[in-house]
Amino acid sequence: MIFLLSGAGGAAGLLLASAAIQWLIHERLDMMRVQAIHIDGFEIACTAGLIVLCAFFAGLVSAFNARCDQALSTLQSSRSHSAGGESVQMRTALLSLQVAVTVVLLIVAGLLLKSYDKPLSAGLGCSTTNVLKMGLQLPKAQYGDPASVERLAFREQRNRFFESLLREVRSLPGIQAAGLIYGGVPGEGYGPDNGFTIVEHPELPPDQRPYAILRWVDPGYFAAMGIPLRSGHTFDDNQRLGHATEVIVSESFARKYFAEEDAVGRHIRITDSRSYEIVAVVGDARFAPGEPARPIMYSELLVDPQESSTTLVIRSGPDALQSSMPVQSVIWKLDPDLPVSNVLTMDQVVSGNTLNASFDASLLSAFAGLSLLLAGAGLFGVLSYIVAQRTSEIGIRIALGARREQLLRLILMDGLRPAFVGLALGSAVSAGITQLIRSTLYDSTALDLPVFAAVAVLLLWVAALACLIPAWRASRLDPMQALRSE
């Protein structure tokens, strides 16, 4: 019988494992060779071996128990023992431990899910809907090497290409805005930064010079990305080769370095002795979902190209991906050999950044849900065992006039007691464990009271539901039948 039950459980486990693998393949297409993951004969053989081993151990314990082995007497279930004997105490202690583990899993999963949801709701500080990006890598053989002695010629040729590209792309049907950026769009990482000094402020020592993220952009970039213009104006048309005089800063930059002043009209020095006038303040854009806004400086892209790789950003209609082919056709019309890479919507950029966090939270939630199910089944089994051991006692109580609601309350408390103990123990352990994952939580505290309270309510609700059926049966026992069963 034990081998039959173990075999059925193992077969069900293999079916669940197969379903879990299919879910993994569907959710993590970004993983290398994820399609090669499958259950083969080796895994089936190992599973069968574990099933046989567990069944043999369980049968061995049952055999020793039948012989009344003293070493295993605490696991005996003979009716000669009272419901408060060592057998029940052992079961309730193990169940309390199981409930504690469930509480820890639920709290950690709840914190991770809450932390994962906040970066998505906080956003990147720009629009991610109907926005498409694609990377352009200008071949050095045709456009020159920016590090070569012919740097000026490279700049002019490169700028002519980008000006033609933007003009053609903006004329396409359905394209609302288009722009260029070097350094990465929001959500693609920190990227390059640079030190600077504020001309109107006292000069600081070199080791105390502030740093900020630096991006090179086309004036149309802000409209394409939906980054709002807070004050001032975008770059003038005269901002071209050898005429760099303007810079745009983010809100966090203005707030941090010009707290009591208007940043527009001030001047900063970035890489050389020339000063750049701050002509505008724009909204904050985050370099990664969930990260705090950092100070950003924007320079005109056509002033000083640093590399041959640039990102084209397009705002279009409801389906941004549909505009990718017309835009690529324009690119290849200007240069048939130009490679285009990383064609993604901004929604895909955000999803890619949060994919690992989402997967980890989902996986942990699955384990927490399974543990909660096992804890509920354990409570049901233990309370059913307690009721079976106390059948005659319950019959006597009913015969002596005990009300059925009193019996229902009594049996429920017997079942909920290990749940309360496990909840208290699990909450205490979770308070320490969550301190270890505090660095992975975005804008959340390790001791998040709403999460702890939600877990407590959920666990007690499941525990009460698991205990209700055996408690209801006990309160409905016929006293004469209960007394005859002894």
Protein backbone atom coordinates (compact mmCIF):
# COMPACT_ATOMS: atom_id res chain seq x y z
CA MET A 1 0.00 0.00 0.00
CA ILE A 2 2.83 2.37 0.89
CA PHE A 3 4.59 1.67 -2.42
CA LEU A 4 1.33 2.28 -4.29
CA LEU A 5 0.79 5.66 -2.60
CA SER A 6 4.43 6.64 -3.11
CA GLY A 7 4.28 5.67 -6.79
CA ALA A 8 1.11 7.71 -7.32
CA GLY A 9 2.68 10.69 -5.61
CA GLY A 10 5.86 10.38 -7.67
CA ALA A 11 3.90 10.18 -10.93
CA ALA A 12 1.94 13.30 -9.97
CA GLY A 13 5.21 15.03 -9.12
CA LEU A 14 6.67 14.20 -12.54
CA LEU A 15 3.59 15.64 -14.24
CA LEU A 16 3.89 18.82 -12.18
CA ALA A 17 7.60 19.03 -12.97
CA SER A 18 6.86 18.72 -16.69
CA ALA A 19 4.30 21.51 -16.47
CA ALA A 20 6.78 23.65 -14.51
CA ILE A 21 9.44 23.15 -17.18
CA GLN A 22 7.01 24.24 -19.90
CA TRP A 23 6.24 27.36 -17.86
CA LEU A 24 9.97 28.03 -17.49
CA ILE A 25 10.54 27.71 -21.24
CA HIS A 26 7.64 30.07 -21.93
CA GLU A 27 8.72 32.66 -19.35
CA ARG A 28 12.49 32.67 -19.92
CA LEU A 29 13.03 32.65 -23.66
CA ASP A 30 16.01 34.93 -22.99
CA MET A 31 17.95 32.10 -21.35
CA MET A 32 20.56 30.37 -23.47
CA ARG A 33 19.39 26.95 -24.78
CA VAL A 34 16.22 27.11 -22.70
CA GLN A 35 14.46 24.95 -25.30
CA ALA A 36 16.88 22.13 -24.50
CA ILE A 37 15.56 21.79 -20.95
CA HIS A 38 13.49 18.62 -20.61
CA ILE A 39 12.93 15.54 -18.46
CA ASP A 40 14.93 12.56 -19.75
CA GLY A 41 15.41 8.96 -18.67
CA PHE A 42 18.06 9.84 -16.08
CA GLU A 43 15.71 12.18 -14.19
CA ILE A 44 12.92 9.60 -14.33
CA ALA A 45 15.27 6.91 -13.00
CA CYS A 46 16.45 9.15 -10.16
CA THR A 47 12.86 10.01 -9.29
CA ALA A 48 11.89 6.33 -9.27
CA GLY A 49 14.86 5.55 -7.02
CA LEU A 50 13.84 8.28 -4.56
CA ILE A 51 10.25 7.00 -4.57
CA VAL A 52 11.41 3.46 -3.75
CA LEU A 53 13.77 4.75 -1.03
CA CYS A 54 11.08 6.90 0.61
CA ALA A 55 8.51 4.11 0.41
CA PHE A 56 10.98 1.65 1.95
CA PHE A 57 11.78 4.06 4.79
CA ALA A 58 8.09 4.72 5.45
CA GLY A 59 7.37 0.99 5.47
CA LEU A 60 10.29 0.37 7.80
CA VAL A 61 9.00 2.98 10.24
CA SER A 62 5.54 1.41 10.11
CA ALA A 63 7.00 -2.02 10.79
CA PHE A 64 8.95 -0.79 13.79
CA ASN A 65 5.88 1.08 14.97
CA ALA A 66 3.80 -2.10 14.79
CA ARG A 67 6.39 -3.88 16.95
CA CYS A 68 6.16 -1.07 19.50
CA ASP A 69 9.81 -0.18 19.17
CA GLN A 70 10.60 2.12 22.07
CA ALA A 71 12.81 4.39 19.95
CA LEU A 72 9.83 5.25 17.78
CA SER A 73 7.14 5.20 20.41
CA THR A 74 6.43 8.88 20.00
CA LEU A 75 5.18 8.19 16.47
CA GLN A 76 2.70 5.49 17.53
CA SER A 77 -0.99 6.25 16.96
CA SER A 78 -2.56 3.64 19.23
CA ARG A 79 -5.81 4.67 20.79
CA SER A 80 -4.46 3.78 24.16
CA HIS A 81 -2.71 7.13 24.04
CA SER A 82 -4.66 10.22 24.87
CA ALA A 83 -4.98 13.10 22.47
CA GLY A 84 -2.53 15.09 24.53
CA GLY A 85 0.12 12.33 24.52
CA GLU A 86 3.55 12.33 22.98
CA SER A 87 2.23 11.25 19.56
CA VAL A 88 0.00 14.30 19.22
CA GLN A 89 2.67 16.59 20.64
CA MET A 90 5.18 15.36 18.08
CA ARG A 91 2.74 15.91 15.22
CA THR A 92 1.75 19.40 16.35
CA ALA A 93 5.39 20.41 16.88
CA LEU A 94 6.33 19.31 13.37
CA LEU A 95 3.25 21.04 11.99
CA SER A 96 4.14 24.26 13.79
CA LEU A 97 7.59 24.10 12.21
CA GLN A 98 6.05 23.56 8.78
CA VAL A 99 3.74 26.55 9.29
CA ALA A 100 6.74 28.67 10.34
CA VAL A 101 8.57 27.79 7.10
CA THR A 102 5.42 28.66 5.16
CA VAL A 103 5.23 32.05 6.87
CA VAL A 104 8.85 32.82 5.98
CA LEU A 105 8.30 31.91 2.31
CA LEU A 106 5.09 33.93 2.11
CA ILE A 107 6.62 37.04 3.69
CA VAL A 108 9.75 36.98 1.51
CA ALA A 109 7.64 36.36 -1.61
CA GLY A 110 5.30 39.19 -0.65
CA LEU A 111 8.16 41.62 -0.14
CA LEU A 112 9.75 40.69 -3.48
CA LEU A 113 6.45 40.98 -5.34
CA LYS A 114 5.76 44.37 -3.78
CA SER A 115 9.28 45.53 -4.55
CA TYR A 116 9.00 44.27 -8.12
CA ASP A 117 5.71 46.07 -8.70
CA LYS A 118 7.01 49.46 -7.53
CA PRO A 119 9.65 49.98 -10.23
CA LEU A 120 7.02 49.24 -12.88
CA SER A 121 4.63 51.77 -11.41
CA ALA A 122 7.39 54.31 -10.80
CA GLY A 123 8.45 54.12 -14.45
CA LEU A 124 11.54 55.55 -16.10
CA GLY A 125 10.49 59.18 -16.13
CA CYS A 126 9.68 58.97 -19.84
CA SER A 127 6.99 57.48 -22.03
CA THR A 128 7.29 53.77 -22.77
CA THR A 129 4.10 53.44 -24.83
CA ASN A 130 4.36 53.55 -28.63
CA VAL A 131 8.08 54.30 -28.47
CA LEU A 132 10.57 52.27 -30.52
CA LYS A 133 14.38 52.29 -30.35
CA MET A 134 17.02 50.83 -32.62
CA GLY A 135 20.80 50.90 -32.51
CA LEU A 136 22.93 52.23 -35.39
CA GLN A 137 26.60 51.41 -35.81
CA LEU A 138 28.29 53.53 -38.46
CA PRO A 139 31.08 51.52 -40.15
CA LYS A 140 34.48 53.09 -39.62
CA ALA A 141 35.56 52.07 -43.11
CA GLN A 142 33.00 54.44 -44.61
CA TYR A 143 32.52 57.10 -41.95
CA GLY A 144 36.04 57.20 -40.56
CA ASP A 145 37.46 56.59 -37.11
CA PRO A 146 36.54 59.21 -34.47
CA ALA A 147 39.99 58.70 -32.91
CA SER A 148 41.85 59.35 -36.18
CA VAL A 149 43.56 62.55 -37.25
CA GLU A 150 40.71 63.18 -39.69
CA ARG A 151 38.27 63.63 -36.82
CA LEU A 152 36.68 66.81 -38.22
CA ALA A 153 35.88 65.13 -41.53
CA PHE A 154 34.37 62.20 -39.65
CA ARG A 155 32.14 64.54 -37.66
CA GLU A 156 30.86 66.33 -40.73
CA GLN A 157 30.13 63.14 -42.64
CA ARG A 158 28.46 61.56 -39.64
CA ASN A 159 26.34 64.62 -38.93
CA ARG A 160 25.18 64.86 -42.55
CA PHE A 161 24.01 61.25 -42.36
CA PHE A 162 22.08 61.79 -39.12
CA GLU A 163 20.44 65.00 -40.33
CA SER A 164 19.26 63.24 -43.50
CA LEU A 165 18.06 60.27 -41.46
CA LEU A 166 15.98 62.36 -39.08
CA ARG A 167 14.49 64.37 -41.93
CA GLU A 168 13.44 61.22 -43.80
CA VAL A 169 12.13 59.36 -40.72
CA ARG A 170 10.06 62.32 -39.49
CA SER A 171 8.38 62.52 -42.88
CA LEU A 172 7.12 58.93 -42.71
CA PRO A 173 3.34 58.43 -42.16
CA GLY A 174 2.46 57.69 -38.55
CA ILE A 175 5.76 58.95 -37.11
CA GLN A 176 4.99 61.57 -34.47
CA ALA A 177 8.55 62.33 -33.35
CA ALA A 178 12.08 61.02 -33.78
CA GLY A 179 15.41 61.75 -32.12
CA LEU A 180 18.92 60.44 -31.54
CA ILE A 181 20.92 59.72 -28.42
CA TYR A 182 24.39 58.46 -27.62
CA GLY A 183 24.90 56.89 -24.19
CA GLY A 184 21.77 54.75 -23.93
CA VAL A 185 18.05 55.41 -23.52
CA PRO A 186 16.43 55.33 -20.06
CA GLY A 187 16.39 51.80 -18.70
CA GLU A 188 19.60 50.72 -20.47
CA GLY A 189 22.04 51.39 -17.66
CA TYR A 190 24.09 54.16 -16.14
CA GLY A 191 26.31 54.80 -19.16
CA PRO A 192 28.98 57.50 -19.40
CA ASP A 193 29.34 60.29 -16.85
CA ASN A 194 31.63 63.26 -16.41
CA GLY A 195 32.82 65.72 -13.82
CA PHE A 196 31.89 69.38 -14.05
CA THR A 197 32.22 72.71 -12.30
CA ILE A 198 29.66 75.49 -11.92
CA VAL A 199 31.05 78.81 -13.12
CA GLU A 200 28.92 80.94 -10.79
CA HIS A 201 29.84 78.86 -7.71
CA PRO A 202 33.16 78.75 -5.84
CA GLU A 203 35.51 76.27 -7.48
CA LEU A 204 35.96 73.01 -5.58
CA PRO A 205 39.17 70.94 -5.26
CA PRO A 206 39.57 68.29 -8.00
CA ASP A 207 38.81 65.41 -5.61
CA GLN A 208 35.50 67.05 -4.64
CA ARG A 209 34.32 67.79 -8.18
CA PRO A 210 30.72 66.58 -8.71
CA TYR A 211 29.84 64.05 -11.39
CA ALA A 212 26.68 63.59 -13.44
CA ILE A 213 25.44 61.26 -16.16
CA LEU A 214 26.27 62.66 -19.61
CA ARG A 215 24.17 62.05 -22.72
CA TRP A 216 24.51 63.44 -26.26
CA VAL A 217 21.08 63.98 -27.85
CA ASP A 218 19.31 65.53 -30.81
CA PRO A 219 16.81 68.31 -29.88
CA GLY A 220 13.95 66.06 -31.02
CA TYR A 221 14.94 63.33 -28.56
CA PHE A 222 12.92 64.80 -25.66
CA ALA A 223 9.68 64.87 -27.67
CA ALA A 224 10.28 61.35 -28.96
CA MET A 225 10.83 59.99 -25.44
CA GLY A 226 8.10 62.07 -23.82
CA ILE A 227 10.53 63.73 -21.40
CA PRO A 228 8.83 67.00 -20.38
CA LEU A 229 10.50 70.40 -20.78
CA ARG A 230 10.21 72.10 -17.39
CA SER A 231 11.76 75.44 -18.28
CA GLY A 232 13.88 77.06 -21.00
CA HIS A 233 14.23 75.80 -24.57
CA THR A 234 16.00 72.99 -26.41
CA PHE A 235 19.21 73.46 -28.37
CA ASP A 236 19.42 76.25 -30.93
CA ASP A 237 20.06 75.41 -34.57
CA ASN A 238 23.54 76.92 -34.38
CA GLN A 239 24.74 74.17 -32.02
CA ARG A 240 26.94 72.39 -34.51
CA LEU A 241 30.62 71.55 -34.97
CA GLY A 242 32.86 73.99 -33.14
CA HIS A 243 29.93 76.03 -31.81
CA ALA A 244 29.03 74.20 -28.59
CA THR A 245 27.71 76.72 -26.06
CA GLU A 246 24.58 75.09 -24.61
CA VAL A 247 23.70 72.25 -22.28
CA ILE A 248 20.41 70.91 -20.87
CA VAL A 249 20.12 69.46 -17.36
CA SER A 250 17.58 67.27 -15.57
CA GLU A 251 15.36 68.26 -12.67
CA SER A 252 17.45 66.31 -10.17
CA PHE A 253 20.56 68.13 -11.44
CA ALA A 254 18.90 71.54 -10.97
CA ARG A 255 17.47 70.54 -7.60
CA LYS A 256 20.79 69.25 -6.27
CA TYR A 257 23.15 71.96 -7.52
CA PHE A 258 20.82 74.96 -7.83
CA ALA A 259 18.45 74.43 -4.93
CA GLU A 260 17.71 78.10 -4.31
CA GLU A 261 18.47 79.35 -7.82
CA ASP A 262 17.10 79.17 -11.33
CA ALA A 263 19.40 76.79 -13.21
CA VAL A 264 18.51 78.25 -16.62
CA GLY A 265 21.09 80.89 -17.56
CA ARG A 266 23.83 79.47 -15.33
CA HIS A 267 27.04 78.08 -16.77
CA ILE A 268 29.01 74.86 -16.24
CA ARG A 269 32.35 73.54 -17.49
CA ILE A 270 32.37 69.85 -18.44
CA THR A 271 35.52 68.70 -20.23
CA ASP A 272 37.42 71.80 -21.27
CA SER A 273 37.89 75.41 -20.39
CA ARG A 274 34.81 76.52 -22.33
CA SER A 275 31.65 77.21 -20.36
CA TYR A 276 28.25 75.91 -21.44
CA GLU A 277 25.06 77.80 -20.72
CA ILE A 278 22.18 75.84 -19.20
CA VAL A 279 19.33 76.59 -21.59
CA ALA A 280 16.68 74.20 -20.24
CA VAL A 281 15.64 71.93 -17.41
CA VAL A 282 13.87 68.69 -18.39
CA GLY A 283 12.16 65.94 -16.41
CA ASP A 284 14.16 63.20 -14.72
CA ALA A 285 14.84 60.00 -16.64
CA ARG A 286 16.03 56.93 -14.73
CA PHE A 287 18.84 54.75 -16.08
CA ALA A 288 17.15 51.59 -14.71
CA PRO A 289 13.67 50.70 -13.40
CA GLY A 290 13.48 51.19 -9.67
CA GLU A 291 16.64 53.25 -9.44
CA PRO A 292 16.49 56.78 -8.01
CA ALA A 293 16.74 59.68 -10.43
CA ARG A 294 20.34 60.82 -10.92
CA PRO A 295 21.57 64.23 -12.20
CA ILE A 296 21.90 64.19 -16.00
CA MET A 297 23.56 66.60 -18.45
CA TYR A 298 22.51 66.62 -22.10
CA SER A 299 24.81 67.91 -24.82
CA GLU A 300 23.93 68.39 -28.48
CA LEU A 301 24.71 65.17 -30.35
CA LEU A 302 25.97 66.94 -33.47
CA VAL A 303 28.51 68.99 -31.49
CA ASP A 304 31.02 66.33 -30.48
CA PRO A 305 30.21 62.73 -31.43
CA GLN A 306 32.10 60.37 -29.19
CA GLU A 307 31.54 57.07 -30.96
CA SER A 308 30.03 55.69 -34.13
CA SER A 309 27.22 53.91 -32.23
CA THR A 310 23.98 55.83 -31.67
CA THR A 311 20.35 55.01 -30.84
CA LEU A 312 17.42 56.18 -32.93
CA VAL A 313 14.18 56.73 -30.98
CA ILE A 314 10.80 56.92 -32.72
CA ARG A 315 7.35 57.74 -31.38
CA SER A 316 4.60 56.34 -33.57
CA GLY A 317 1.07 54.91 -33.54
CA PRO A 318 -0.47 52.19 -31.35
CA ASP A 319 1.78 49.41 -32.69
CA ALA A 320 5.30 50.82 -32.56
CA LEU A 321 6.86 47.66 -34.00
CA GLN A 322 4.94 48.14 -37.26
CA SER A 323 6.97 51.29 -37.91
CA SER A 324 10.30 49.45 -37.61
CA MET A 325 10.41 48.20 -41.21
CA PRO A 326 9.62 51.58 -42.85
CA VAL A 327 12.28 53.22 -40.65
CA GLN A 328 14.83 50.55 -41.49
CA SER A 329 14.00 50.99 -45.17
CA VAL A 330 14.89 54.67 -44.83
CA ILE A 331 18.17 53.76 -43.10
CA TRP A 332 19.13 51.28 -45.82
CA LYS A 333 18.16 53.73 -48.53
CA LEU A 334 20.74 56.15 -47.09
CA ASP A 335 23.27 53.39 -46.49
CA PRO A 336 22.47 49.83 -47.68
CA ASP A 337 25.28 48.32 -45.61
CA LEU A 338 24.46 49.99 -42.29
CA PRO A 339 23.72 47.42 -39.56
CA VAL A 340 20.67 47.95 -37.36
CA SER A 341 20.48 46.21 -33.97
CA ASN A 342 18.40 45.96 -30.79
CA VAL A 343 15.08 46.93 -32.36
CA LEU A 344 12.90 47.06 -29.25
CA THR A 345 9.94 48.95 -27.87
CA MET A 346 10.51 50.80 -24.62
CA ASP A 347 8.02 48.44 -22.97
CA GLN A 348 10.34 45.58 -23.96
CA VAL A 349 13.31 47.47 -22.53
CA VAL A 350 11.52 47.79 -19.18
CA SER A 351 10.41 44.14 -19.25
CA GLY A 352 13.95 43.00 -19.99
CA ASN A 353 15.29 44.92 -17.00
CA THR A 354 12.68 43.50 -14.63
CA LEU A 355 12.58 39.98 -16.07
CA ASN A 356 14.92 38.41 -13.50
CA ALA A 357 13.12 40.07 -10.59
CA SER A 358 9.74 39.00 -11.95
CA PHE A 359 10.90 35.41 -12.47
CA ASP A 360 12.45 35.16 -9.00
CA ALA A 361 9.32 36.57 -7.37
CA SER A 362 7.06 34.23 -9.36
CA LEU A 363 9.19 31.19 -8.52
CA LEU A 364 9.29 32.03 -4.83
CA SER A 365 5.55 32.68 -4.84
CA ALA A 366 4.98 29.24 -6.36
CA PHE A 367 7.01 27.60 -3.60
CA ALA A 368 5.18 29.68 -0.97
CA GLY A 369 1.81 28.67 -2.40
CA LEU A 370 2.81 25.00 -2.41
CA SER A 371 4.02 25.28 1.16
CA LEU A 372 0.75 26.93 2.17
CA LEU A 373 -1.18 24.08 0.55
CA LEU A 374 0.92 21.50 2.42
CA ALA A 375 0.45 23.37 5.69
CA GLY A 376 -3.33 23.39 5.18
CA ALA A 377 -3.28 19.65 4.43
CA GLY A 378 -1.16 19.05 7.52
CA LEU A 379 -3.57 20.97 9.74
CA PHE A 380 -6.49 19.00 8.32
CA GLY A 381 -4.69 15.69 8.92
CA VAL A 382 -3.56 16.49 12.46
CA LEU A 383 -6.96 17.76 13.54
CA SER A 384 -8.67 14.73 11.99
CA TYR A 385 -6.28 12.55 13.98
CA ILE A 386 -7.02 14.47 17.17
CA VAL A 387 -10.77 14.12 16.60
CA ALA A 388 -10.38 10.37 16.00
CA GLN A 389 -8.43 10.02 19.27
CA ARG A 390 -11.03 12.02 21.21
CA THR A 391 -14.16 10.40 19.80
CA SER A 392 -15.23 8.87 23.12
CA GLU A 393 -14.40 12.08 25.01
CA ILE A 394 -16.51 14.10 22.59
CA GLY A 395 -19.39 11.62 22.99
CA ILE A 396 -19.23 11.94 26.80
CA ARG A 397 -19.20 15.77 26.56
CA ILE A 398 -22.26 15.73 24.31
CA ALA A 399 -24.03 13.24 26.60
CA LEU A 400 -23.34 15.47 29.59
CA GLY A 401 -24.92 18.47 27.86
CA ALA A 402 -22.08 20.24 26.12
CA ARG A 403 -23.37 22.51 23.35
CA ARG A 404 -22.23 21.73 19.85
CA GLU A 405 -20.90 25.27 19.27
CA GLN A 406 -18.70 24.80 22.36
CA LEU A 407 -17.29 21.59 20.88
CA LEU A 408 -16.78 23.30 17.54
CA ARG A 409 -14.82 26.08 19.22
CA LEU A 410 -12.80 23.57 21.28
CA ILE A 411 -11.77 21.48 18.27
CA LEU A 412 -11.01 24.56 16.18
CA MET A 413 -8.66 25.89 18.85
CA ASP A 414 -6.88 22.53 18.98
CA GLY A 415 -6.24 22.82 15.26
CA LEU A 416 -5.41 26.54 15.18
CA ARG A 417 -2.94 26.31 18.07
CA PRO A 418 -0.04 25.01 15.91
CA ALA A 419 -0.97 27.63 13.30
CA PHE A 420 -0.61 30.43 15.84
CA VAL A 421 2.67 28.99 17.14
CA GLY A 422 4.03 28.62 13.61
CA LEU A 423 2.88 32.13 12.71
CA ALA A 424 4.67 33.64 15.69
CA LEU A 425 7.84 31.64 15.06
CA GLY A 426 7.81 32.31 11.31
CA SER A 427 7.26 36.05 11.79
CA ALA A 428 10.20 36.25 14.19
CA VAL A 429 12.47 34.35 11.79
CA SER A 430 11.26 36.46 8.85
CA ALA A 431 12.15 39.67 10.67
CA GLY A 432 15.77 38.51 10.66
CA ILE A 433 15.85 36.94 7.20
CA THR A 434 14.33 39.95 5.45
CA GLN A 435 17.23 42.08 6.72
CA LEU A 436 19.50 39.97 4.48
CA ILE A 437 17.50 40.82 1.34
CA ARG A 438 16.96 44.48 2.22
CA SER A 439 19.36 45.61 -0.53
CA THR A 440 17.20 43.94 -3.19
CA LEU A 441 14.00 45.70 -2.08
CA TYR A 442 13.05 48.88 -3.92
CA ASP A 443 11.47 51.60 -1.79
CA SER A 444 10.38 49.02 0.77
CA THR A 445 11.42 48.23 4.31
CA ALA A 446 12.39 44.77 5.45
CA LEU A 447 9.77 45.00 8.23
CA ASP A 448 6.83 45.88 5.99
CA LEU A 449 3.83 45.69 8.33
CA PRO A 450 1.18 45.45 5.56
CA VAL A 451 2.97 42.42 4.08
CA PHE A 452 3.34 40.76 7.50
CA ALA A 453 -0.34 41.45 8.29
CA ALA A 454 -1.51 40.12 4.90
CA VAL A 455 0.47 36.91 5.39
CA ALA A 456 -0.97 36.45 8.88
CA VAL A 457 -4.54 36.91 7.63
CA LEU A 458 -4.00 34.55 4.69
CA LEU A 459 -2.40 31.84 6.81
CA LEU A 460 -5.06 31.98 9.54
CA TRP A 461 -7.81 31.92 6.91
CA VAL A 462 -6.35 28.78 5.29
CA ALA A 463 -5.80 27.22 8.73
CA ALA A 464 -9.39 27.92 9.80
CA LEU A 465 -10.69 26.47 6.54
CA ALA A 466 -8.57 23.33 6.97
CA CYS A 467 -9.74 22.86 10.56
CA LEU A 468 -13.41 23.60 9.94
CA ILE A 469 -14.36 20.24 8.35
CA PRO A 470 -13.04 17.92 11.10
CA ALA A 471 -14.29 20.33 13.79
CA TRP A 472 -17.76 20.37 12.21
CA ARG A 473 -17.78 16.56 12.04
CA ALA A 474 -16.80 16.34 15.70
CA SER A 475 -19.58 18.70 16.78
CA ARG A 476 -22.13 16.55 14.90
CA LEU A 477 -21.16 13.19 16.45
CA ASP A 478 -23.92 10.97 17.81
CA PRO A 479 -22.96 10.44 21.49
CA MET A 480 -24.22 6.84 21.61
CA GLN A 481 -22.33 5.90 18.45
CA ALA A 482 -19.22 7.67 19.75
CA LEU A 483 -19.35 5.74 23.05
CA ARG A 484 -19.83 2.40 21.28
CA SER A 485 -16.75 3.03 19.09
CA GLU A 486 -14.41 2.76 22.06
